[in-house]
Amino acid sequence: MTVEATHKTEPKSSQEELVNDLLTIVTVFSARSYGKRSPEFWQKTKPLIDEMEGGEAHGNDGENGEDRHS
């Protein structure tokens, strides 16, 4: 049995790898900061979620130290 690669990629330079790593770090931090994991998102949506579940809005979910959404 012989395996033949039909799609060959050139090895990345150290600089290209560093740039890709930094872009990944920036992407992850910005997604956490501005995305669904941000505290502002949960402050805005917690009352709506509670209302839909039939409960009452309790304000900031993180006040008592628990963080069920992360």
C-alpha atoms as a PDB file:
ATOM      1  CA  MET A   1       0.000   0.000   0.000  1.00  0.00           C
ATOM      2  CA  THR A   2       1.338   3.418  -0.956  1.00  0.00           C
ATOM      3  CA  VAL A   3       0.116   6.763   0.405  1.00  0.00           C
ATOM      4  CA  GLU A   4       0.547   9.751  -1.861  1.00  0.00           C
ATOM      5  CA  ALA A   5      -0.055  13.318  -0.711  1.00  0.00           C
ATOM      6  CA  THR A   6      -1.828  15.366  -3.351  1.00  0.00           C
ATOM      7  CA  HIS A   7      -2.047  18.633  -1.426  1.00  0.00           C
ATOM      8  CA  LYS A   8       1.307  19.709  -0.133  1.00  0.00           C
ATOM      9  CA  THR A   9       1.727  22.801   1.989  1.00  0.00           C
ATOM     10  CA  GLU A  10       4.947  24.650   2.561  1.00  0.00           C
ATOM     11  CA  PRO A  11       6.188  24.685   6.146  1.00  0.00           C
ATOM     12  CA  LYS A  12       5.418  27.939   7.933  1.00  0.00           C
ATOM     13  CA  SER A  13       8.177  30.218   9.062  1.00  0.00           C
ATOM     14  CA  SER A  14       8.558  31.110  12.722  1.00  0.00           C
ATOM     15  CA  GLN A  15       7.187  34.570  12.012  1.00  0.00           C
ATOM     16  CA  GLU A  16       4.053  33.174  10.314  1.00  0.00           C
ATOM     17  CA  GLU A  17       3.426  30.838  13.238  1.00  0.00           C
ATOM     18  CA  LEU A  18       3.826  33.719  15.699  1.00  0.00           C
ATOM     19  CA  VAL A  19       1.396  35.900  13.736  1.00  0.00           C
ATOM     20  CA  ASN A  20      -1.174  33.083  13.635  1.00  0.00           C
ATOM     21  CA  ASP A  21      -0.809  32.489  17.383  1.00  0.00           C
ATOM     22  CA  LEU A  22      -1.240  36.193  18.192  1.00  0.00           C
ATOM     23  CA  LEU A  23      -4.319  36.453  15.975  1.00  0.00           C
ATOM     24  CA  THR A  24      -5.824  33.457  17.728  1.00  0.00           C
ATOM     25  CA  ILE A  25      -5.201  35.024  21.144  1.00  0.00           C
ATOM     26  CA  VAL A  26      -6.781  38.330  20.086  1.00  0.00           C
ATOM     27  CA  THR A  27      -9.773  36.509  18.610  1.00  0.00           C
ATOM     28  CA  VAL A  28     -10.391  34.491  21.777  1.00  0.00           C
ATOM     29  CA  PHE A  29     -10.116  37.472  24.116  1.00  0.00           C
ATOM     30  CA  SER A  30     -12.344  39.671  21.966  1.00  0.00           C
ATOM     31  CA  ALA A  31     -14.944  36.909  21.697  1.00  0.00           C
ATOM     32  CA  ARG A  32     -15.021  36.574  25.481  1.00  0.00           C
ATOM     33  CA  SER A  33     -15.084  40.320  26.003  1.00  0.00           C
ATOM     34  CA  TYR A  34     -17.784  41.177  23.474  1.00  0.00           C
ATOM     35  CA  GLY A  35     -19.547  37.872  23.078  1.00  0.00           C
ATOM     36  CA  LYS A  36     -22.073  35.827  25.002  1.00  0.00           C
ATOM     37  CA  ARG A  37     -19.664  35.228  27.883  1.00  0.00           C
ATOM     38  CA  SER A  38     -19.355  38.913  28.780  1.00  0.00           C
ATOM     39  CA  PRO A  39     -20.910  40.070  32.078  1.00  0.00           C
ATOM     40  CA  GLU A  40     -22.779  42.837  30.253  1.00  0.00           C
ATOM     41  CA  PHE A  41     -24.524  40.249  28.075  1.00  0.00           C
ATOM     42  CA  TRP A  42     -25.746  38.329  31.125  1.00  0.00           C
ATOM     43  CA  GLN A  43     -26.841  41.502  32.935  1.00  0.00           C
ATOM     44  CA  LYS A  44     -29.017  42.366  29.942  1.00  0.00           C
ATOM     45  CA  THR A  45     -30.388  38.893  29.258  1.00  0.00           C
ATOM     46  CA  LYS A  46     -30.809  37.452  32.781  1.00  0.00           C
ATOM     47  CA  PRO A  47     -34.131  39.242  33.438  1.00  0.00           C
ATOM     48  CA  LEU A  48     -35.458  38.065  30.067  1.00  0.00           C
ATOM     49  CA  ILE A  49     -34.391  34.477  30.702  1.00  0.00           C
ATOM     50  CA  ASP A  50     -35.971  34.521  34.160  1.00  0.00           C
ATOM     51  CA  GLU A  51     -39.177  35.952  32.719  1.00  0.00           C
ATOM     52  CA  MET A  52     -39.325  33.245  30.053  1.00  0.00           C
ATOM     53  CA  GLU A  53     -38.715  30.538  32.677  1.00  0.00           C
ATOM     54  CA  GLY A  54     -41.510  31.928  34.822  1.00  0.00           C
ATOM     55  CA  GLY A  55     -39.237  33.232  37.575  1.00  0.00           C
ATOM     56  CA  GLU A  56     -38.523  36.749  38.702  1.00  0.00           C
ATOM     57  CA  ALA A  57     -35.553  38.850  37.680  1.00  0.00           C
ATOM     58  CA  HIS A  58     -32.885  38.798  40.389  1.00  0.00           C
ATOM     59  CA  GLY A  59     -30.458  41.379  39.013  1.00  0.00           C
ATOM     60  CA  ASN A  60     -26.788  40.502  38.588  1.00  0.00           C
ATOM     61  CA  ASP A  61     -26.260  36.728  38.448  1.00  0.00           C
ATOM     62  CA  GLY A  62     -22.639  36.938  39.642  1.00  0.00           C
ATOM     63  CA  GLU A  63     -23.347  38.665  42.980  1.00  0.00           C
ATOM     64  CA  ASN A  64     -23.274  35.505  45.065  1.00  0.00           C
ATOM     65  CA  GLY A  65     -20.137  34.110  43.441  1.00  0.00           C
ATOM     66  CA  GLU A  66     -21.739  31.523  41.201  1.00  0.00           C
ATOM     67  CA  ASP A  67     -21.402  31.686  37.455  1.00  0.00           C
ATOM     68  CA  ARG A  68     -23.566  29.053  35.848  1.00  0.00           C
ATOM     69  CA  HIS A  69     -23.157  30.394  32.297  1.00  0.00           C
ATOM     70  CA  SER A  70     -19.425  30.017  31.755  1.00  0.00           C
END
